[in-house]
Amino acid sequence: MVTEMPVQKKNAQEQRRENAYQVIDLIRRENEGVTRGRITEEFGLSFPSASKIVEYLKEFNLIREQQGTGNNNKPVPTYFLNSNDFISLGLSLTRHGLQGVACTLSGTVLEHFELKQNGDARQILMDAAQRLSVIRKNYEKKGTRVLGLGVGIPGLLDTEEGRVRYAADYHQLEGMDIITLLSEHVDVPVYAEQNTNVAAFAEKSLGAARGLREFLYLNLETGIGGSLFHAGRLYRGENIFLGELGHASVNPEGPLCDCGNRGCLELYAGKNVVDSKIAQNPQNQEEILAATSRDVAQVLSPVVCFLGLQDIVLHGSLVDDYSIIAKQIRQELRNSVIPAQSPRIKIHLSPLGSSAPAVGAALWLGEIALFNLKGPFFGLHDPKIPIRMDGVI
């Protein structure tokens, strides 16, 4: 099937950048490498145009050439991505602490560290920046290019300004320009995104949502958040409150939440709340988990019905520690949607563990770099070509 390149009017440099990204994506999808003929077939390009894209990618050392076999069994140049020659750094802040990683472009984790929450948000961020700076220097000494740092933040984040608007357990960071702070200390380009978004991107790249173009991601921890991928891209909405399913009220007369709302889902289905209820009444564990599942489904079912979703990825310690929760949520959802839709609903469990946001942040930064080849990531920054993120997630 031929997938045409974008036809909207762009300047030549922007068009070449987008075409190159699509060819990179094709190379990643084809395990046995890609020939120039394959590129022309996929995108309807002329052979000279495909050759220009190949040479452009070679400028950045992103692809390597090997001899392969063409359709007529004659040797032809075949191209592979040099994913292990570049790494990106990832950082994720959670309520329990902070995780940092260094990953290849294919998602292989080369370095991993954790720092426990100590009540001093700025200090823990500086400690992480120091660790990441050492990692960067060590890899650069080996000749590996470090593309940048992706940061996952809990709560509400203004991604355009890089400022935290609200962060549970990290209130000291609210209003802070963390992008400038971290870029100065780690000395790489830094981009920030909400934790649930980068975790969902990790699921799409490596985990339970691999191959899915449309899915809802739900992280069930002490805090609860969600992300939506639609038509292969992250749905961003028009403001920073997207994905805050944990602050949807399931009981308007319920207790006051830290966000200012009453009866938020987190106050009933948060991991700490469920653990506390079971510790106080272990004989009622089955009923407690059933009620928790109903509360989660109460928030999910309108979203599932309205959007016609069928794939939901669950992640977090609540489903890890209480395996029956996933089955109960699926059943509650199937009972609360249109009967014809019910059998289509699928629950997928994440295989990625607690490091998913950090890994997702690193992968996300890598995608930004690949989409913006003449950005600051490869040392060829052209300020006339703006950095774009809409082609990534």
Protein backbone atom coordinates (compact mmCIF):
# COMPACT_ATOMS: atom_id res chain seq x y z
CA MET A 1 0.00 0.00 0.00
CA VAL A 2 1.43 3.38 -1.03
CA THR A 3 1.49 6.05 1.68
CA GLU A 4 1.92 9.46 0.10
CA MET A 5 4.25 12.05 1.57
CA PRO A 6 2.68 15.26 2.93
CA VAL A 7 1.48 17.55 0.14
CA GLN A 8 0.83 20.73 2.12
CA LYS A 9 3.06 23.68 1.33
CA LYS A 10 6.22 23.83 3.45
CA ASN A 11 9.66 25.19 2.83
CA ALA A 12 12.14 22.69 1.38
CA GLN A 13 14.00 22.15 4.64
CA GLU A 14 10.86 21.39 6.63
CA GLN A 15 9.57 19.05 3.93
CA ARG A 16 12.87 17.18 3.82
CA ARG A 17 12.83 16.85 7.60
CA GLU A 18 9.36 15.32 7.60
CA ASN A 19 10.16 12.99 4.71
CA ALA A 20 13.31 11.84 6.49
CA TYR A 21 11.34 11.07 9.65
CA GLN A 22 8.90 8.91 7.70
CA VAL A 23 11.78 6.99 6.14
CA ILE A 24 13.33 6.49 9.60
CA ASP A 25 10.03 5.10 10.82
CA LEU A 26 9.88 2.73 7.84
CA ILE A 27 13.42 1.48 8.54
CA ARG A 28 12.50 0.82 12.17
CA ARG A 29 9.44 -1.19 11.14
CA GLU A 30 11.35 -3.39 8.68
CA ASN A 31 13.60 -5.76 10.65
CA GLU A 32 15.51 -6.91 7.56
CA GLY A 33 16.49 -3.42 6.44
CA VAL A 34 15.16 -1.14 3.70
CA THR A 35 16.35 -0.59 0.15
CA ARG A 36 15.91 2.58 -1.87
CA GLY A 37 13.44 0.67 -4.01
CA ARG A 38 11.39 -0.10 -0.89
CA ILE A 39 11.33 3.61 -0.03
CA THR A 40 10.06 4.53 -3.49
CA GLU A 41 7.40 1.81 -3.26
CA GLU A 42 6.17 2.90 0.19
CA PHE A 43 5.99 6.63 -0.44
CA GLY A 44 5.54 6.94 -4.20
CA LEU A 45 8.84 8.78 -4.59
CA SER A 46 11.21 8.77 -7.54
CA PHE A 47 14.46 6.87 -7.11
CA PRO A 48 16.53 10.11 -7.08
CA SER A 49 14.26 11.56 -4.36
CA ALA A 50 14.67 8.42 -2.25
CA SER A 51 18.43 8.62 -2.76
CA LYS A 52 18.49 12.22 -1.52
CA ILE A 53 16.69 11.22 1.69
CA VAL A 54 19.12 8.35 2.23
CA GLU A 55 22.10 10.68 1.80
CA TYR A 56 20.48 13.22 4.13
CA LEU A 57 20.15 10.58 6.87
CA LYS A 58 23.75 9.53 6.32
CA GLU A 59 24.83 13.09 7.15
CA PHE A 60 23.63 12.49 10.69
CA ASN A 61 25.09 8.97 10.87
CA LEU A 62 21.59 7.71 11.59
CA ILE A 63 21.68 4.85 9.10
CA ARG A 64 24.27 2.31 8.01
CA GLU A 65 24.52 0.56 4.67
CA GLN A 66 24.87 -3.19 4.17
CA GLN A 67 24.65 -5.36 1.10
CA GLY A 68 21.29 -7.05 0.76
CA THR A 69 19.33 -8.84 -1.93
CA GLY A 70 16.80 -7.19 -4.22
CA ASN A 71 13.71 -8.62 -5.92
CA ASN A 72 15.80 -10.08 -8.73
CA ASN A 73 18.26 -11.65 -6.26
CA LYS A 74 20.94 -9.12 -7.18
CA PRO A 75 22.92 -7.42 -4.40
CA VAL A 76 21.54 -3.99 -3.46
CA PRO A 77 22.41 -1.52 -0.68
CA THR A 78 20.16 -2.05 2.35
CA TYR A 79 19.81 0.45 5.19
CA PHE A 80 19.47 -0.03 8.94
CA LEU A 81 19.06 2.46 11.79
CA ASN A 82 22.12 3.07 13.97
CA SER A 83 19.91 3.07 17.07
CA ASN A 84 22.73 2.07 19.44
CA ASP A 85 24.98 4.97 18.42
CA PHE A 86 22.66 7.50 20.06
CA ILE A 87 21.13 7.66 23.50
CA SER A 88 18.56 9.85 25.17
CA LEU A 89 18.12 10.49 28.87
CA GLY A 90 14.86 10.16 30.76
CA LEU A 91 13.74 11.46 34.12
CA SER A 92 10.47 10.86 35.95
CA LEU A 93 9.22 12.30 39.22
CA THR A 94 6.68 10.24 41.13
CA ARG A 95 5.18 10.48 44.58
CA HIS A 96 7.74 7.99 45.86
CA GLY A 97 10.83 9.56 44.36
CA LEU A 98 12.62 9.98 41.10
CA GLN A 99 13.90 7.62 38.41
CA GLY A 100 16.49 8.34 35.74
CA VAL A 101 17.47 6.28 32.69
CA ALA A 102 19.66 6.34 29.61
CA CYS A 103 18.17 4.52 26.61
CA THR A 104 19.05 3.73 23.03
CA LEU A 105 16.67 4.86 20.31
CA SER A 106 15.22 1.34 20.28
CA GLY A 107 14.39 1.50 24.01
CA THR A 108 17.21 -0.59 25.47
CA VAL A 109 17.91 0.74 28.98
CA LEU A 110 21.66 1.22 29.47
CA GLU A 111 21.61 3.10 32.78
CA HIS A 112 19.05 3.31 35.57
CA PHE A 113 19.01 4.99 38.97
CA GLU A 114 16.46 5.89 41.63
CA LEU A 115 16.38 8.63 44.26
CA LYS A 116 13.90 8.50 47.11
CA GLN A 117 11.59 11.39 47.89
CA ASN A 118 13.12 13.38 50.75
CA GLY A 119 10.79 16.37 50.98
CA ASP A 120 13.22 18.73 49.21
CA ALA A 121 12.03 18.76 45.60
CA ARG A 122 14.67 21.16 44.30
CA GLN A 123 17.51 19.22 45.91
CA ILE A 124 16.37 15.86 44.55
CA LEU A 125 16.14 17.45 41.09
CA MET A 126 19.70 18.79 41.41
CA ASP A 127 20.97 15.39 42.61
CA ALA A 128 19.37 13.78 39.57
CA ALA A 129 20.86 16.43 37.26
CA GLN A 130 24.31 15.67 38.65
CA ARG A 131 23.88 11.94 38.04
CA LEU A 132 22.64 12.56 34.49
CA SER A 133 25.51 14.92 33.76
CA VAL A 134 28.01 12.20 34.74
CA ILE A 135 26.19 9.68 32.51
CA ARG A 136 26.26 12.13 29.61
CA LYS A 137 29.99 12.76 29.96
CA ASN A 138 30.80 9.05 30.21
CA TYR A 139 28.92 8.21 27.01
CA GLU A 140 30.30 11.16 25.12
CA LYS A 141 33.82 9.98 25.99
CA LYS A 142 32.93 6.71 24.23
CA GLY A 143 31.84 8.61 21.13
CA THR A 144 28.10 8.11 21.72
CA ARG A 145 25.91 11.13 21.02
CA VAL A 146 23.56 12.06 23.86
CA LEU A 147 20.55 13.65 22.18
CA GLY A 148 18.87 15.25 25.19
CA LEU A 149 16.74 14.76 28.28
CA GLY A 150 13.02 14.02 28.45
CA VAL A 151 11.31 14.75 31.77
CA GLY A 152 8.05 13.30 33.03
CA ILE A 153 6.23 15.41 35.61
CA PRO A 154 3.26 14.37 37.80
CA GLY A 155 0.31 16.73 37.90
CA LEU A 156 -0.31 19.74 35.69
CA LEU A 157 2.42 20.96 33.37
CA ASP A 158 2.54 23.85 30.92
CA THR A 159 4.54 22.06 28.22
CA GLU A 160 5.07 25.22 26.17
CA GLU A 161 6.71 27.12 29.02
CA GLY A 162 8.11 24.07 30.81
CA ARG A 163 6.58 25.22 34.10
CA VAL A 164 4.90 23.00 36.67
CA ARG A 165 1.45 24.35 37.56
CA TYR A 166 0.51 21.69 40.10
CA ALA A 167 2.42 18.65 41.38
CA ALA A 168 1.34 16.50 44.32
CA ASP A 169 4.26 16.02 46.75
CA TYR A 170 6.42 18.38 44.67
CA HIS A 171 4.79 21.71 45.43
CA GLN A 172 8.23 23.36 45.62
CA LEU A 173 8.51 22.90 41.86
CA GLU A 174 5.27 24.74 41.08
CA GLY A 175 5.96 27.81 38.98
CA MET A 176 9.55 26.72 38.37
CA ASP A 177 11.10 26.67 34.89
CA ILE A 178 12.48 23.16 35.17
CA ILE A 179 13.58 23.05 31.52
CA THR A 180 16.06 25.89 31.94
CA LEU A 181 17.16 24.57 35.32
CA LEU A 182 17.93 21.07 34.05
CA SER A 183 19.40 22.10 30.70
CA GLU A 184 21.92 24.32 32.47
CA HIS A 185 23.05 21.51 34.78
CA VAL A 186 22.96 18.53 32.39
CA ASP A 187 24.03 20.57 29.34
CA VAL A 188 21.65 18.94 26.84
CA PRO A 189 18.34 19.98 25.26
CA VAL A 190 15.50 19.34 27.73
CA TYR A 191 11.79 18.84 27.07
CA ALA A 192 9.10 18.15 29.67
CA GLU A 193 5.80 16.29 29.45
CA GLN A 194 3.22 14.87 31.85
CA ASN A 195 4.15 11.50 33.35
CA THR A 196 1.06 9.69 32.07
CA ASN A 197 1.71 10.87 28.52
CA VAL A 198 5.29 9.64 28.38
CA ALA A 199 4.31 6.39 30.12
CA ALA A 200 1.61 5.87 27.49
CA PHE A 201 4.22 6.54 24.80
CA ALA A 202 6.40 3.82 26.34
CA GLU A 203 3.44 1.42 26.16
CA LYS A 204 2.90 2.34 22.51
CA SER A 205 6.59 1.87 21.69
CA LEU A 206 7.51 -1.16 23.77
CA GLY A 207 4.62 -2.37 25.88
CA ALA A 208 0.99 -3.42 25.95
CA ALA A 209 -0.14 -0.86 23.34
CA ARG A 210 2.43 -1.78 20.72
CA GLY A 211 0.69 -1.86 17.35
CA LEU A 212 -2.42 -0.05 18.65
CA ARG A 213 -3.37 3.23 17.02
CA GLU A 214 -6.13 4.04 19.50
CA PHE A 215 -6.15 3.25 23.20
CA LEU A 216 -6.77 4.71 26.63
CA TYR A 217 -3.92 4.44 29.13
CA LEU A 218 -4.76 4.51 32.85
CA ASN A 219 -2.17 4.59 35.62
CA LEU A 220 -3.54 3.31 38.94
CA GLU A 221 -1.26 4.38 41.77
CA THR A 222 -1.80 6.61 44.79
CA GLY A 223 -2.47 9.19 42.10
CA ILE A 224 -4.55 8.26 39.05
CA GLY A 225 -4.05 9.69 35.58
CA GLY A 226 -4.83 8.81 32.00
CA SER A 227 -3.78 9.46 28.43
CA LEU A 228 -5.53 8.93 25.11
CA PHE A 229 -3.94 7.96 21.82
CA HIS A 230 -6.18 8.60 18.82
CA ALA A 231 -5.24 7.80 15.20
CA GLY A 232 -1.72 6.99 16.35
CA ARG A 233 -1.11 10.31 18.09
CA LEU A 234 -1.49 11.59 21.62
CA TYR A 235 -4.68 13.61 22.03
CA ARG A 236 -3.62 16.85 23.71
CA GLY A 237 -6.80 18.89 23.95
CA GLU A 238 -6.79 22.64 24.43
CA ASN A 239 -5.54 22.95 28.00
CA ILE A 240 -3.27 21.36 30.61
CA PHE A 241 -6.05 19.50 32.46
CA LEU A 242 -6.26 16.63 29.99
CA GLY A 243 -6.04 13.13 31.48
CA GLU A 244 -6.87 14.04 35.08
CA LEU A 245 -9.23 11.09 35.55
CA GLY A 246 -8.16 10.74 39.17
CA HIS A 247 -9.85 14.06 39.89
CA ALA A 248 -13.18 13.15 38.35
CA SER A 249 -15.68 13.03 41.20
CA VAL A 250 -17.42 9.73 41.95
CA ASN A 251 -19.19 11.20 44.98
CA PRO A 252 -20.01 14.94 45.05
CA GLU A 253 -20.68 14.67 48.80
CA GLY A 254 -17.38 12.91 49.44
CA PRO A 255 -14.25 14.14 51.23
CA LEU A 256 -12.32 17.20 50.08
CA CYS A 257 -9.42 16.43 47.75
CA ASP A 258 -6.09 18.25 47.64
CA CYS A 259 -7.12 19.59 44.20
CA GLY A 260 -10.13 21.40 45.72
CA ASN A 261 -12.78 19.03 44.39
CA ARG A 262 -14.87 16.60 46.47
CA GLY A 263 -15.11 12.84 46.15
CA CYS A 264 -12.33 12.46 43.57
CA LEU A 265 -11.64 8.98 42.23
CA GLU A 266 -8.18 9.04 43.84
CA LEU A 267 -9.82 9.28 47.27
CA TYR A 268 -11.60 5.97 46.64
CA ALA A 269 -9.37 4.02 44.24
CA GLY A 270 -5.90 5.39 45.00
CA LYS A 271 -3.47 2.63 45.95
CA ASN A 272 -2.80 4.05 49.43
CA VAL A 273 -6.54 4.30 50.13
CA VAL A 274 -7.24 0.73 49.01
CA ASP A 275 -4.27 -0.61 51.02
CA SER A 276 -5.50 1.21 54.12
CA LYS A 277 -9.06 -0.11 53.78
CA ILE A 278 -7.85 -3.69 53.37
CA ALA A 279 -5.41 -3.40 56.28
CA GLN A 280 -8.25 -2.25 58.53
CA ASN A 281 -10.73 -4.86 57.27
CA PRO A 282 -8.82 -7.77 55.68
CA GLN A 283 -11.89 -9.98 55.83
CA ASN A 284 -13.66 -7.55 53.46
CA GLN A 285 -10.93 -7.44 50.80
CA GLU A 286 -13.14 -8.90 48.09
CA GLU A 287 -15.87 -6.30 48.66
CA ILE A 288 -13.35 -3.47 48.88
CA LEU A 289 -11.75 -4.40 45.55
CA ALA A 290 -15.15 -4.82 43.91
CA ALA A 291 -16.17 -1.32 45.03
CA THR A 292 -12.86 0.06 43.80
CA SER A 293 -13.42 -1.49 40.37
CA ARG A 294 -16.92 -0.01 40.20
CA ASP A 295 -15.56 3.45 40.99
CA VAL A 296 -12.90 3.18 38.26
CA ALA A 297 -15.47 1.91 35.74
CA GLN A 298 -17.84 4.75 36.69
CA VAL A 299 -15.24 7.24 35.46
CA LEU A 300 -14.12 5.21 32.45
CA SER A 301 -17.47 4.13 31.00
CA PRO A 302 -18.62 7.57 29.70
CA VAL A 303 -15.23 8.04 28.02
CA VAL A 304 -15.35 4.56 26.47
CA CYS A 305 -18.93 5.03 25.26
CA PHE A 306 -18.42 8.49 23.83
CA LEU A 307 -15.17 7.69 21.99
CA GLY A 308 -16.04 4.12 21.01
CA LEU A 309 -12.83 2.83 22.55
CA GLN A 310 -12.11 -0.85 22.84
CA ASP A 311 -8.49 -1.01 24.11
CA ILE A 312 -7.55 0.09 27.62
CA VAL A 313 -4.05 -0.27 29.06
CA LEU A 314 -3.84 -0.53 32.85
CA HIS A 315 -0.60 0.20 34.64
CA GLY A 316 0.42 0.72 38.24
CA SER A 317 0.86 -0.94 41.61
CA LEU A 318 -2.90 -1.26 42.22
CA VAL A 319 -3.28 -3.78 39.38
CA ASP A 320 0.12 -5.31 40.13
CA ASP A 321 -0.71 -6.04 43.78
CA TYR A 322 -4.38 -6.94 43.28
CA SER A 323 -4.55 -8.90 40.03
CA ILE A 324 -8.33 -9.37 40.21
CA ILE A 325 -8.83 -5.62 39.77
CA ALA A 326 -8.20 -5.76 36.01
CA LYS A 327 -10.80 -8.48 35.48
CA GLN A 328 -13.32 -6.65 37.65
CA ILE A 329 -12.82 -3.35 35.81
CA ARG A 330 -13.32 -5.10 32.48
CA GLN A 331 -16.52 -6.71 33.69
CA GLU A 332 -17.86 -3.49 35.18
CA LEU A 333 -17.13 -1.67 31.93
CA ARG A 334 -18.80 -4.36 29.84
CA ASN A 335 -21.88 -4.06 32.07
CA SER A 336 -22.06 -0.29 31.68
CA VAL A 337 -21.70 0.25 27.91
CA ILE A 338 -23.88 -0.48 24.89
CA PRO A 339 -24.37 -4.27 24.72
CA ALA A 340 -23.08 -4.40 21.14
CA GLN A 341 -19.89 -2.65 22.24
CA SER A 342 -19.36 -4.76 25.36
CA PRO A 343 -17.55 -7.79 23.84
CA ARG A 344 -15.07 -5.50 22.08
CA ILE A 345 -13.66 -4.01 25.26
CA LYS A 346 -10.18 -5.32 25.98
CA ILE A 347 -8.04 -4.72 29.04
CA HIS A 348 -4.27 -4.88 28.50
CA LEU A 349 -1.86 -5.07 31.44
CA SER A 350 1.39 -3.15 31.19
CA PRO A 351 4.58 -5.24 31.25
CA LEU A 352 6.87 -2.24 31.80
CA GLY A 353 6.91 -1.77 35.58
CA SER A 354 7.57 1.40 37.54
CA SER A 355 10.26 2.69 35.19
CA ALA A 356 7.77 3.20 32.32
CA PRO A 357 7.51 7.02 32.72
CA ALA A 358 11.30 7.47 32.76
CA VAL A 359 11.80 5.16 29.78
CA GLY A 360 8.89 6.82 27.98
CA ALA A 361 10.39 10.25 28.59
CA ALA A 362 13.70 9.12 27.07
CA LEU A 363 11.99 7.54 24.05
CA TRP A 364 9.83 10.63 23.58
CA LEU A 365 12.91 12.88 23.58
CA GLY A 366 14.51 10.58 21.03
CA GLU A 367 11.47 10.95 18.76
CA ILE A 368 11.62 14.74 19.03
CA ALA A 369 15.28 14.59 18.01
CA LEU A 370 14.58 12.33 15.01
CA PHE A 371 11.77 14.59 13.86
CA ASN A 372 13.90 17.73 14.17
CA LEU A 373 17.19 16.68 12.60
CA LYS A 374 18.45 20.25 12.27
CA GLY A 375 17.43 21.09 15.81
CA PRO A 376 19.92 21.32 18.67
CA PHE A 377 20.12 17.53 19.10
CA PHE A 378 22.74 16.78 16.44
CA GLY A 379 24.87 19.90 16.77
CA LEU A 380 23.45 21.38 13.56
CA HIS A 381 20.89 23.76 15.00
CA ASP A 382 19.29 25.98 12.39
CA PRO A 383 17.25 28.64 14.27
CA LYS A 384 15.29 29.35 11.08
CA ILE A 385 13.66 25.92 11.33
CA PRO A 386 11.45 25.83 14.44
CA ILE A 387 11.43 22.81 16.72
CA ARG A 388 8.20 20.88 16.15
CA MET A 389 6.66 18.24 18.39
CA ASP A 390 3.33 17.68 16.64
CA GLY A 391 4.86 15.03 14.38
CA VAL A 392 5.95 12.94 17.35
CA ILE A 393 3.06 12.24 19.73
